[in-house]
Amino acid sequence: MRILINNTVTEVSDGTTLGMVLRRMQFPESGIAVAIDNKVVPRTLWDTTLLSADSRITVIRAVCGG
């Protein structure tokens, strides 16, 4: 099935979790916030949150500075 990660189309299989996709795309485990369809997903739910076709995932990286 197709999903969008930061507006990039990605193919994943049925039963794929958010955590699986984040690891596959090599996102760090800390310093990021993730939302699916504009709803923030707590880190504790990443490995149990199943993705559905056309899910829109937004990954935001924390940046230090001023």
PDB file of N, CA and C in Angstrom:
ATOM      1  N   MET A   1       0.839  -1.186   0.000  1.00  0.00           N
ATOM      2  CA  MET A   1       0.000   0.000   0.000  1.00  0.00           C
ATOM      3  C   MET A   1       0.878   1.241   0.000  1.00  0.00           C
ATOM      4  N   ARG A   2       0.321   2.321  -0.447  1.00  0.00           N
ATOM      5  CA  ARG A   2       1.075   3.577  -0.528  1.00  0.00           C
ATOM      6  C   ARG A   2       0.776   4.458   0.674  1.00  0.00           C
ATOM      7  N   ILE A   3       1.838   5.063   1.220  1.00  0.00           N
ATOM      8  CA  ILE A   3       1.714   6.067   2.265  1.00  0.00           C
ATOM      9  C   ILE A   3       2.571   7.257   1.876  1.00  0.00           C
ATOM     10  N   LEU A   4       2.388   8.362   2.550  1.00  0.00           N
ATOM     11  CA  LEU A   4       3.210   9.546   2.324  1.00  0.00           C
ATOM     12  C   LEU A   4       4.012   9.841   3.578  1.00  0.00           C
ATOM     13  N   ILE A   5       5.315   9.993   3.423  1.00  0.00           N
ATOM     14  CA  ILE A   5       6.179  10.399   4.530  1.00  0.00           C
ATOM     15  C   ILE A   5       6.824  11.714   4.132  1.00  0.00           C
ATOM     16  N   ASN A   6       6.461  12.776   4.838  1.00  0.00           N
ATOM     17  CA  ASN A   6       6.945  14.120   4.505  1.00  0.00           C
ATOM     18  C   ASN A   6       6.758  14.398   3.009  1.00  0.00           C
ATOM     19  N   ASN A   7       5.578  14.082   2.510  1.00  0.00           N
ATOM     20  CA  ASN A   7       5.160  14.317   1.122  1.00  0.00           C
ATOM     21  C   ASN A   7       5.895  13.469   0.094  1.00  0.00           C
ATOM     22  N   THR A   8       6.541  12.390   0.515  1.00  0.00           N
ATOM     23  CA  THR A   8       7.180  11.458  -0.401  1.00  0.00           C
ATOM     24  C   THR A   8       6.421  10.137  -0.366  1.00  0.00           C
ATOM     25  N   VAL A   9       6.019   9.653  -1.524  1.00  0.00           N
ATOM     26  CA  VAL A   9       5.271   8.400  -1.595  1.00  0.00           C
ATOM     27  C   VAL A   9       6.200   7.232  -1.291  1.00  0.00           C
ATOM     28  N   THR A  10       5.737   6.332  -0.428  1.00  0.00           N
ATOM     29  CA  THR A  10       6.486   5.147  -0.041  1.00  0.00           C
ATOM     30  C   THR A  10       5.551   3.949  -0.058  1.00  0.00           C
ATOM     31  N   GLU A  11       6.051   2.818  -0.525  1.00  0.00           N
ATOM     32  CA  GLU A  11       5.272   1.574  -0.543  1.00  0.00           C
ATOM     33  C   GLU A  11       5.612   0.756   0.698  1.00  0.00           C
ATOM     34  N   VAL A  12       4.573   0.285   1.391  1.00  0.00           N
ATOM     35  CA  VAL A  12       4.751  -0.603   2.540  1.00  0.00           C
ATOM     36  C   VAL A  12       3.728  -1.725   2.442  1.00  0.00           C
ATOM     37  N   SER A  13       3.987  -2.809   3.153  1.00  0.00           N
ATOM     38  CA  SER A  13       3.052  -3.929   3.127  1.00  0.00           C
ATOM     39  C   SER A  13       1.991  -3.760   4.219  1.00  0.00           C
ATOM     40  N   ASP A  14       0.880  -4.465   4.068  1.00  0.00           N
ATOM     41  CA  ASP A  14      -0.159  -4.468   5.087  1.00  0.00           C
ATOM     42  C   ASP A  14       0.443  -4.951   6.398  1.00  0.00           C
ATOM     43  N   GLY A  15      -0.019  -4.410   7.501  1.00  0.00           N
ATOM     44  CA  GLY A  15       0.491  -4.810   8.805  1.00  0.00           C
ATOM     45  C   GLY A  15       1.730  -4.060   9.244  1.00  0.00           C
ATOM     46  N   THR A  16       2.145  -3.069   8.459  1.00  0.00           N
ATOM     47  CA  THR A  16       3.323  -2.275   8.799  1.00  0.00           C
ATOM     48  C   THR A  16       2.964  -1.266   9.883  1.00  0.00           C
ATOM     49  N   THR A  17       3.836  -1.161  10.885  1.00  0.00           N
ATOM     50  CA  THR A  17       3.617  -0.184  11.944  1.00  0.00           C
ATOM     51  C   THR A  17       4.424   1.081  11.688  1.00  0.00           C
ATOM     52  N   LEU A  18       4.068   2.120  12.394  1.00  0.00           N
ATOM     53  CA  LEU A  18       4.799   3.376  12.293  1.00  0.00           C
ATOM     54  C   LEU A  18       6.259   3.174  12.677  1.00  0.00           C
ATOM     55  N   GLY A  19       6.507   2.430  13.743  1.00  0.00           N
ATOM     56  CA  GLY A  19       7.885   2.175  14.176  1.00  0.00           C
ATOM     57  C   GLY A  19       8.706   1.476  13.111  1.00  0.00           C
ATOM     58  N   MET A  20       8.103   0.514  12.417  1.00  0.00           N
ATOM     59  CA  MET A  20       8.812  -0.207  11.356  1.00  0.00           C
ATOM     60  C   MET A  20       9.232   0.749  10.242  1.00  0.00           C
ATOM     61  N   VAL A  21       8.336   1.639   9.855  1.00  0.00           N
ATOM     62  CA  VAL A  21       8.638   2.595   8.778  1.00  0.00           C
ATOM     63  C   VAL A  21       9.726   3.566   9.205  1.00  0.00           C
ATOM     64  N   LEU A  22       9.644   4.060  10.424  1.00  0.00           N
ATOM     65  CA  LEU A  22      10.652   5.012  10.899  1.00  0.00           C
ATOM     66  C   LEU A  22      12.039   4.378  10.927  1.00  0.00           C
ATOM     67  N   ARG A  23      12.121   3.129  11.361  1.00  0.00           N
ATOM     68  CA  ARG A  23      13.422   2.441  11.359  1.00  0.00           C
ATOM     69  C   ARG A  23      13.907   2.198   9.939  1.00  0.00           C
ATOM     70  N   ARG A  24      13.007   1.773   9.060  1.00  0.00           N
ATOM     71  CA  ARG A  24      13.383   1.513   7.667  1.00  0.00           C
ATOM     72  C   ARG A  24      13.904   2.777   6.986  1.00  0.00           C
ATOM     73  N   MET A  25      13.293   3.914   7.330  1.00  0.00           N
ATOM     74  CA  MET A  25      13.713   5.192   6.735  1.00  0.00           C
ATOM     75  C   MET A  25      14.881   5.811   7.499  1.00  0.00           C
ATOM     76  N   GLN A  26      15.370   5.113   8.528  1.00  0.00           N
ATOM     77  CA  GLN A  26      16.526   5.507   9.331  1.00  0.00           C
ATOM     78  C   GLN A  26      16.356   6.845  10.044  1.00  0.00           C
ATOM     79  N   PHE A  27      15.145   7.092  10.536  1.00  0.00           N
ATOM     80  CA  PHE A  27      14.940   8.260  11.381  1.00  0.00           C
ATOM     81  C   PHE A  27      15.488   7.936  12.762  1.00  0.00           C
ATOM     82  N   PRO A  28      16.044   8.920  13.466  1.00  0.00           N
ATOM     83  CA  PRO A  28      16.560   8.667  14.811  1.00  0.00           C
ATOM     84  C   PRO A  28      15.400   8.365  15.763  1.00  0.00           C
ATOM     85  N   GLU A  29      15.698   7.647  16.839  1.00  0.00           N
ATOM     86  CA  GLU A  29      14.651   7.311  17.800  1.00  0.00           C
ATOM     87  C   GLU A  29      14.354   8.452  18.758  1.00  0.00           C
ATOM     88  N   SER A  30      15.229   9.427  18.823  1.00  0.00           N
ATOM     89  CA  SER A  30      14.978  10.582  19.686  1.00  0.00           C
ATOM     90  C   SER A  30      15.150  11.856  18.869  1.00  0.00           C
ATOM     91  N   GLY A  31      14.603  12.939  19.379  1.00  0.00           N
ATOM     92  CA  GLY A  31      14.746  14.224  18.710  1.00  0.00           C
ATOM     93  C   GLY A  31      13.783  14.441  17.565  1.00  0.00           C
ATOM     94  N   ILE A  32      12.742  13.591  17.459  1.00  0.00           N
ATOM     95  CA  ILE A  32      11.752  13.782  16.411  1.00  0.00           C
ATOM     96  C   ILE A  32      10.351  13.695  17.008  1.00  0.00           C
ATOM     97  N   ALA A  33       9.412  14.306  16.312  1.00  0.00           N
ATOM     98  CA  ALA A  33       7.984  14.177  16.619  1.00  0.00           C
ATOM     99  C   ALA A  33       7.321  13.652  15.363  1.00  0.00           C
ATOM    100  N   VAL A  34       6.311  12.803  15.535  1.00  0.00           N
ATOM    101  CA  VAL A  34       5.668  12.180  14.383  1.00  0.00           C
ATOM    102  C   VAL A  34       4.158  12.349  14.485  1.00  0.00           C
ATOM    103  N   ALA A  35       3.553  12.687  13.356  1.00  0.00           N
ATOM    104  CA  ALA A  35       2.097  12.803  13.275  1.00  0.00           C
ATOM    105  C   ALA A  35       1.596  11.975  12.096  1.00  0.00           C
ATOM    106  N   ILE A  36       0.444  11.378  12.272  1.00  0.00           N
ATOM    107  CA  ILE A  36      -0.233  10.690  11.178  1.00  0.00           C
ATOM    108  C   ILE A  36      -1.535  11.423  10.940  1.00  0.00           C
ATOM    109  N   ASP A  37      -1.719  11.880   9.707  1.00  0.00           N
ATOM    110  CA  ASP A  37      -2.913  12.635   9.344  1.00  0.00           C
ATOM    111  C   ASP A  37      -3.150  13.783  10.329  1.00  0.00           C
ATOM    112  N   ASN A  38      -2.075  14.501  10.635  1.00  0.00           N
ATOM    113  CA  ASN A  38      -2.079  15.690  11.490  1.00  0.00           C
ATOM    114  C   ASN A  38      -2.401  15.430  12.953  1.00  0.00           C
ATOM    115  N   LYS A  39      -2.283  14.181  13.406  1.00  0.00           N
ATOM    116  CA  LYS A  39      -2.465  13.860  14.827  1.00  0.00           C
ATOM    117  C   LYS A  39      -1.149  13.286  15.348  1.00  0.00           C
ATOM    118  N   VAL A  40      -0.589  13.932  16.373  1.00  0.00           N
ATOM    119  CA  VAL A  40       0.681  13.491  16.943  1.00  0.00           C
ATOM    120  C   VAL A  40       0.520  12.100  17.553  1.00  0.00           C
ATOM    121  N   VAL A  41       1.498  11.242  17.274  1.00  0.00           N
ATOM    122  CA  VAL A  41       1.508   9.890  17.814  1.00  0.00           C
ATOM    123  C   VAL A  41       2.596   9.820  18.879  1.00  0.00           C
ATOM    124  N   PRO A  42       2.230   9.543  20.132  1.00  0.00           N
ATOM    125  CA  PRO A  42       3.250   9.432  21.183  1.00  0.00           C
ATOM    126  C   PRO A  42       4.249   8.318  20.867  1.00  0.00           C
ATOM    127  N   ARG A  43       5.484   8.536  21.227  1.00  0.00           N
ATOM    128  CA  ARG A  43       6.561   7.577  20.962  1.00  0.00           C
ATOM    129  C   ARG A  43       6.211   6.180  21.498  1.00  0.00           C
ATOM    130  N   THR A  44       5.505   6.110  22.611  1.00  0.00           N
ATOM    131  CA  THR A  44       5.155   4.811  23.204  1.00  0.00           C
ATOM    132  C   THR A  44       4.202   4.009  22.327  1.00  0.00           C
ATOM    133  N   LEU A  45       3.573   4.642  21.345  1.00  0.00           N
ATOM    134  CA  LEU A  45       2.625   3.949  20.468  1.00  0.00           C
ATOM    135  C   LEU A  45       3.177   3.655  19.076  1.00  0.00           C
ATOM    136  N   TRP A  46       4.397   4.081  18.781  1.00  0.00           N
ATOM    137  CA  TRP A  46       4.951   3.899  17.435  1.00  0.00           C
ATOM    138  C   TRP A  46       4.948   2.442  16.990  1.00  0.00           C
ATOM    139  N   ASP A  47       5.330   1.532  17.870  1.00  0.00           N
ATOM    140  CA  ASP A  47       5.452   0.129  17.470  1.00  0.00           C
ATOM    141  C   ASP A  47       4.121  -0.614  17.421  1.00  0.00           C
ATOM    142  N   THR A  48       3.057   0.015  17.875  1.00  0.00           N
ATOM    143  CA  THR A  48       1.738  -0.632  17.831  1.00  0.00           C
ATOM    144  C   THR A  48       0.754   0.085  16.915  1.00  0.00           C
ATOM    145  N   THR A  49       1.178   1.204  16.333  1.00  0.00           N
ATOM    146  CA  THR A  49       0.296   1.970  15.447  1.00  0.00           C
ATOM    147  C   THR A  49       0.401   1.433  14.028  1.00  0.00           C
ATOM    148  N   LEU A  50      -0.657   0.763  13.582  1.00  0.00           N
ATOM    149  CA  LEU A  50      -0.688   0.223  12.221  1.00  0.00           C
ATOM    150  C   LEU A  50      -0.998   1.337  11.223  1.00  0.00           C
ATOM    151  N   LEU A  51      -0.341   1.265  10.082  1.00  0.00           N
ATOM    152  CA  LEU A  51      -0.571   2.252   9.033  1.00  0.00           C
ATOM    153  C   LEU A  51      -1.644   1.746   8.082  1.00  0.00           C
ATOM    154  N   SER A  52      -2.354   2.673   7.482  1.00  0.00           N
ATOM    155  CA  SER A  52      -3.353   2.313   6.483  1.00  0.00           C
ATOM    156  C   SER A  52      -3.002   3.000   5.172  1.00  0.00           C
ATOM    157  N   ALA A  53      -3.611   2.537   4.100  1.00  0.00           N
ATOM    158  CA  ALA A  53      -3.334   3.110   2.780  1.00  0.00           C
ATOM    159  C   ALA A  53      -3.585   4.613   2.810  1.00  0.00           C
ATOM    160  N   ASP A  54      -2.703   5.337   2.176  1.00  0.00           N
ATOM    161  CA  ASP A  54      -2.777   6.795   2.049  1.00  0.00           C
ATOM    162  C   ASP A  54      -2.583   7.552   3.357  1.00  0.00           C
ATOM    163  N   SER A  55      -2.007   6.900   4.373  1.00  0.00           N
ATOM    164  CA  SER A  55      -1.652   7.615   5.603  1.00  0.00           C
ATOM    165  C   SER A  55      -0.654   8.710   5.255  1.00  0.00           C
ATOM    166  N   ARG A  56      -0.821   9.864   5.867  1.00  0.00           N
ATOM    167  CA  ARG A  56       0.088  10.991   5.669  1.00  0.00           C
ATOM    168  C   ARG A  56       0.905  11.159   6.947  1.00  0.00           C
ATOM    169  N   ILE A  57       2.173  10.759   6.878  1.00  0.00           N
ATOM    170  CA  ILE A  57       3.052  10.813   8.038  1.00  0.00           C
ATOM    171  C   ILE A  57       3.943  12.038   7.922  1.00  0.00           C
ATOM    172  N   THR A  58       4.000  12.814   9.013  1.00  0.00           N
ATOM    173  CA  THR A  58       4.876  13.973   9.065  1.00  0.00           C
ATOM    174  C   THR A  58       5.880  13.746  10.177  1.00  0.00           C
ATOM    175  N   VAL A  59       7.161  13.834   9.829  1.00  0.00           N
ATOM    176  CA  VAL A  59       8.237  13.678  10.807  1.00  0.00           C
ATOM    177  C   VAL A  59       8.940  15.031  10.941  1.00  0.00           C
ATOM    178  N   ILE A  60       9.012  15.512  12.166  1.00  0.00           N
ATOM    179  CA  ILE A  60       9.650  16.805  12.431  1.00  0.00           C
ATOM    180  C   ILE A  60      10.841  16.568  13.345  1.00  0.00           C
ATOM    181  N   ARG A  61      11.994  17.067  12.939  1.00  0.00           N
ATOM    182  CA  ARG A  61      13.213  16.928  13.732  1.00  0.00           C
ATOM    183  C   ARG A  61      13.407  18.168  14.601  1.00  0.00           C
ATOM    184  N   ALA A  62      13.764  17.945  15.855  1.00  0.00           N
ATOM    185  CA  ALA A  62      14.072  19.054  16.760  1.00  0.00           C
ATOM    186  C   ALA A  62      15.411  19.654  16.357  1.00  0.00           C
ATOM    187  N   VAL A  63      15.477  20.971  16.385  1.00  0.00           N
ATOM    188  CA  VAL A  63      16.693  21.677  16.030  1.00  0.00           C
ATOM    189  C   VAL A  63      17.041  22.657  17.146  1.00  0.00           C
ATOM    190  N   CYS A  64      18.281  22.648  17.581  1.00  0.00           N
ATOM    191  CA  CYS A  64      18.730  23.583  18.614  1.00  0.00           C
ATOM    192  C   CYS A  64      19.237  24.849  17.937  1.00  0.00           C
ATOM    193  N   GLY A  65      19.145  25.921  18.632  1.00  0.00           N
ATOM    194  CA  GLY A  65      19.675  27.166  18.101  1.00  0.00           C
ATOM    195  C   GLY A  65      18.813  28.336  18.519  1.00  0.00           C
ATOM    196  N   GLY A  66      19.149  29.472  17.978  1.00  0.00           N
ATOM    197  CA  GLY A  66      18.388  30.632  18.409  1.00  0.00           C
ATOM    198  C   GLY A  66      18.320  31.687  17.411  1.00  0.00           C
TER     199      GLY A  66
END
